[in-house]
């Protein structure tokens, strides 16, 4: 009797083990934040068991109250996730499939959402300005722009021009550049924040150092140089 029951259960176990799909989330762990497009590639692959009906597997990307259908390309499924003004977004892959003669099944991968990081693009490392001709009243003008795209808004709380080195010539050159923009400067997500400069020396140069309340970019330095063109 015991042997009969054990043998009877073997086909059932085999059937259940052939009814699953294996979902692998291959979405990158991070992306450079792109405010202009605001779309990020979601990718997953699927391997189905023998009793899963061919063509019946559907995948969806879930997160931030979005349910995004993924298009199938062979064993790959892809879609675009829309998000702006955030430093990350949650992601889960929902799989739905039909068994031959049985009901629809579901699987969520991973069980808890993983966070996809969005990296703030680098600001300008250098900027040069034309100082040709006679000096205008107040000096030659230039400006450096910044754009924050992973927070709803950000402030530039401080800005100053520092010498490029401790050499006396560099110290003197940096003193010829002044910051004109009143601080703080508040910029909404995707807006341009501008720091305006004025130089009394046509060959002035230095390092524009800013401080912000952005959690991942609290400081930034840009080499600035005035020269006749």
Protein backbone atom coordinates (compact mmCIF):
# COMPACT_ATOMS: atom_id res chain seq x y z
CA UNK A 1 0.00 0.00 0.00
CA UNK A 2 2.78 2.43 0.93
CA UNK A 3 4.67 1.68 -2.29
CA UNK A 4 1.52 2.30 -4.38
CA UNK A 5 0.90 5.71 -2.80
CA UNK A 6 4.52 6.75 -3.26
CA UNK A 7 4.54 5.76 -6.93
CA UNK A 8 1.22 7.55 -7.50
CA UNK A 9 2.68 10.84 -6.25
CA UNK A 10 5.68 10.77 -8.61
CA UNK A 11 3.79 11.94 -11.75
CA UNK A 12 2.12 14.70 -9.74
CA UNK A 13 5.46 16.04 -8.57
CA UNK A 14 6.84 15.88 -12.09
CA UNK A 15 3.84 17.79 -13.44
CA UNK A 16 4.15 20.51 -10.81
CA UNK A 17 7.86 20.89 -11.44
CA UNK A 18 7.22 21.40 -15.17
CA UNK A 19 4.72 24.23 -14.68
CA UNK A 20 7.04 27.09 -13.76
CA UNK A 21 8.87 29.89 -15.54
CA UNK A 22 12.30 31.20 -14.59
CA UNK A 23 12.50 34.99 -14.81
CA UNK A 24 15.81 36.80 -14.73
CA UNK A 25 15.81 40.58 -14.31
CA UNK A 26 18.75 41.89 -16.39
CA UNK A 27 18.03 45.59 -15.93
CA UNK A 28 21.17 47.61 -15.17
CA UNK A 29 21.77 48.52 -11.52
CA UNK A 30 22.14 52.22 -12.41
CA UNK A 31 21.76 54.68 -15.27
CA UNK A 32 22.97 58.22 -15.91
CA UNK A 33 19.93 60.38 -15.24
CA UNK A 34 18.44 61.69 -18.51
CA UNK A 35 15.90 64.40 -17.80
CA UNK A 36 15.21 65.18 -21.48
CA UNK A 37 13.97 61.68 -22.30
CA UNK A 38 13.21 60.41 -18.80
CA UNK A 39 12.99 56.78 -20.00
CA UNK A 40 15.12 53.85 -18.87
CA UNK A 41 15.55 50.42 -20.43
CA UNK A 42 14.04 47.46 -18.58
CA UNK A 43 15.21 44.00 -19.62
CA UNK A 44 14.35 40.49 -18.47
CA UNK A 45 14.74 36.96 -19.84
CA UNK A 46 12.41 33.99 -19.42
CA UNK A 47 12.86 30.24 -19.54
CA UNK A 48 9.60 28.26 -19.48
CA UNK A 49 8.98 24.69 -18.39
CA UNK A 50 7.46 22.04 -20.66
CA UNK A 51 3.83 22.41 -19.55
CA UNK A 52 3.74 26.19 -19.91
CA UNK A 53 1.72 27.09 -23.00
CA UNK A 54 3.99 28.54 -25.74
CA UNK A 55 3.37 32.25 -26.27
CA UNK A 56 1.43 32.59 -23.01
CA UNK A 57 4.16 34.25 -20.89
CA UNK A 58 3.73 37.99 -20.32
CA UNK A 59 5.98 40.26 -18.30
CA UNK A 60 5.29 43.64 -16.70
CA UNK A 61 7.60 46.12 -15.00
CA UNK A 62 6.14 47.39 -11.71
CA UNK A 63 7.10 50.44 -9.66
CA UNK A 64 5.90 53.92 -8.68
CA UNK A 65 2.30 52.85 -9.40
CA UNK A 66 3.29 51.94 -12.96
CA UNK A 67 2.51 48.65 -14.73
CA UNK A 68 4.52 48.61 -17.95
CA UNK A 69 4.04 45.76 -20.46
CA UNK A 70 7.35 44.39 -21.73
CA UNK A 71 7.65 43.46 -25.40
CA UNK A 72 9.00 40.02 -26.25
CA UNK A 73 12.02 39.61 -28.52
CA UNK A 74 12.83 35.91 -28.51
CA UNK A 75 13.68 34.97 -24.93
CA UNK A 76 14.14 38.65 -24.00
CA UNK A 77 11.49 41.07 -22.78
CA UNK A 78 12.08 44.82 -22.91
CA UNK A 79 10.31 48.04 -22.05
CA UNK A 80 10.86 51.65 -21.02
CA UNK A 81 10.32 52.92 -17.49
CA UNK A 82 9.37 56.59 -17.21
CA UNK A 83 10.71 58.62 -14.28
CA UNK A 84 12.08 62.13 -13.72
CA UNK A 85 13.49 64.15 -10.82
CA UNK A 86 14.34 61.12 -8.70
CA UNK A 87 17.67 59.60 -7.69
CA UNK A 88 16.33 56.04 -8.00
CA UNK A 89 13.22 54.06 -8.84
CA UNK A 90 11.79 50.76 -7.52
CA UNK A 91 11.52 47.82 -9.89
CA UNK A 92 9.88 44.42 -9.86
CA UNK A 93 9.09 42.11 -12.78
CA UNK A 94 5.65 40.50 -12.77
CA UNK A 95 5.34 37.32 -14.83
CA UNK A 96 1.97 35.89 -15.91
CA UNK A 97 1.66 32.60 -17.76
CA UNK A 98 -0.88 29.93 -18.67
CA UNK A 99 -0.55 26.19 -18.15
CA UNK A 100 -1.86 23.70 -20.64
CA UNK A 101 -5.46 23.18 -19.54
CA UNK A 102 -4.95 24.91 -16.20
CA UNK A 103 -5.32 28.39 -14.73
CA UNK A 104 -3.07 31.43 -15.12
CA UNK A 105 -0.11 31.67 -12.73
CA UNK A 106 1.89 34.66 -11.48
CA UNK A 107 5.37 35.32 -10.15
CA UNK A 108 6.99 38.50 -8.81
CA UNK A 109 10.77 38.93 -9.23
CA UNK A 110 12.37 39.85 -6.91
CA UNK A 111 9.93 39.37 -3.99
CA UNK A 112 10.76 42.91 -2.79
CA UNK A 113 11.45 45.82 -5.20
CA UNK A 114 15.08 46.61 -5.97
CA UNK A 115 16.19 50.21 -6.38
CA UNK A 116 17.64 51.28 -9.73
CA UNK A 117 20.02 54.18 -9.15
CA UNK A 118 19.95 57.32 -11.32
CA UNK A 119 23.24 59.19 -11.33
CA UNK A 120 23.34 62.98 -11.55
CA UNK A 121 25.23 63.96 -14.75
CA UNK A 122 28.56 65.71 -14.19
CA UNK A 123 28.61 69.49 -14.36
CA UNK A 124 31.15 71.45 -16.40
CA UNK A 125 34.78 70.80 -15.51
CA UNK A 126 35.99 73.94 -17.28
CA UNK A 127 34.64 77.11 -18.87
CA UNK A 128 36.32 79.87 -20.85
CA UNK A 129 35.13 83.40 -21.62
CA UNK A 130 36.08 86.02 -24.19
CA UNK A 131 37.85 89.10 -22.82
CA UNK A 132 38.76 90.76 -26.12
CA UNK A 133 38.63 94.51 -26.53
CA UNK A 134 38.36 97.29 -24.01
CA UNK A 135 37.15 96.27 -20.57
CA UNK A 136 33.46 97.09 -20.09
CA UNK A 137 32.26 98.78 -16.95
CA UNK A 138 32.41 96.21 -14.17
CA UNK A 139 34.75 93.92 -16.11
CA UNK A 140 34.42 91.15 -18.64
CA UNK A 141 31.47 88.86 -17.99
CA UNK A 142 31.05 85.10 -18.02
CA UNK A 143 28.71 82.53 -16.51
CA UNK A 144 28.68 78.85 -15.59
CA UNK A 145 25.43 76.89 -15.70
CA UNK A 146 24.33 73.91 -13.64
CA UNK A 147 21.38 71.59 -14.08
CA UNK A 148 20.05 69.29 -11.34
CA UNK A 149 17.87 66.41 -12.55
CA UNK A 150 17.64 63.82 -9.75
CA UNK A 151 15.86 65.98 -7.15
CA UNK A 152 12.67 68.09 -7.32
CA UNK A 153 14.75 71.21 -6.63
CA UNK A 154 18.22 72.20 -5.43
CA UNK A 155 20.02 75.25 -4.13
CA UNK A 156 23.50 76.57 -4.79
CA UNK A 157 24.21 77.90 -1.33
CA UNK A 158 27.74 79.25 -1.84
CA UNK A 159 30.03 80.18 -4.73
CA UNK A 160 33.57 81.55 -4.71
CA UNK A 161 36.60 81.74 -6.98
CA UNK A 162 39.71 80.06 -5.61
CA UNK A 163 43.25 80.21 -7.02
CA UNK A 164 44.33 77.29 -9.20
CA UNK A 165 47.44 76.90 -7.02
CA UNK A 166 49.28 78.67 -4.23
CA UNK A 167 51.59 80.40 -6.70
CA UNK A 168 51.43 84.20 -6.29
CA UNK A 169 50.45 84.69 -9.93
CA UNK A 170 47.50 82.28 -9.59
CA UNK A 171 46.39 83.89 -6.33
CA UNK A 172 46.46 87.34 -7.96
CA UNK A 173 44.62 86.07 -11.04
CA UNK A 174 41.80 84.53 -8.98
CA UNK A 175 41.31 87.77 -7.03
CA UNK A 176 40.51 89.52 -10.32
CA UNK A 177 37.34 87.38 -10.70
CA UNK A 178 34.25 88.14 -8.65
CA UNK A 179 30.92 86.34 -8.28
CA UNK A 180 27.98 88.57 -9.28
CA UNK A 181 25.05 86.22 -8.66
CA UNK A 182 23.14 86.71 -5.40
CA UNK A 183 22.98 83.54 -3.32
CA UNK A 184 21.36 81.18 -2.74
CA UNK A 185 20.31 80.20 -6.26
CA UNK A 186 17.24 77.94 -6.34
CA UNK A 187 16.69 75.71 -9.38
CA UNK A 188 13.79 73.37 -10.08
CA UNK A 189 14.41 69.94 -11.53
CA UNK A 190 15.79 70.30 -15.06
CA UNK A 191 16.10 74.09 -14.84
CA UNK A 192 19.34 75.94 -15.45
CA UNK A 193 21.05 77.53 -12.45
CA UNK A 194 23.58 80.19 -13.43
CA UNK A 195 26.53 81.68 -11.58
CA UNK A 196 27.64 84.93 -13.24
CA UNK A 197 31.22 86.12 -13.02
CA UNK A 198 33.10 89.33 -13.77
CA UNK A 199 36.86 89.73 -14.35
CA UNK A 200 38.95 92.89 -14.24
CA UNK A 201 41.97 91.14 -15.78
CA UNK A 202 41.63 89.92 -19.41
CA UNK A 203 43.75 86.87 -18.54
CA UNK A 204 42.19 86.05 -15.18
CA UNK A 205 41.71 82.43 -14.23
CA UNK A 206 40.82 80.37 -11.19
CA UNK A 207 38.53 77.67 -9.85
CA UNK A 208 34.85 78.35 -9.32
CA UNK A 209 33.83 76.31 -6.27
CA UNK A 210 30.15 75.90 -5.41
CA UNK A 211 28.33 74.28 -2.52
CA UNK A 212 24.80 72.90 -2.83
CA UNK A 213 22.13 71.16 -0.78
CA UNK A 214 22.04 68.30 -3.29
CA UNK A 215 22.61 65.04 -1.36
CA UNK A 216 24.98 63.50 -3.92
CA UNK A 217 26.66 66.64 -5.30
CA UNK A 218 27.35 68.83 -2.25
CA UNK A 219 30.44 70.39 -3.89
CA UNK A 220 31.65 71.05 -7.43
CA UNK A 221 34.66 72.79 -8.96
CA UNK A 222 34.93 74.30 -12.43
CA UNK A 223 38.11 75.82 -13.83
CA UNK A 224 37.27 79.24 -15.30
CA UNK A 225 39.46 81.32 -17.58
CA UNK A 226 39.14 84.67 -19.31
CA UNK A 227 41.21 85.23 -22.45
CA UNK A 228 41.00 87.45 -25.56
CA UNK A 229 39.80 85.63 -28.67
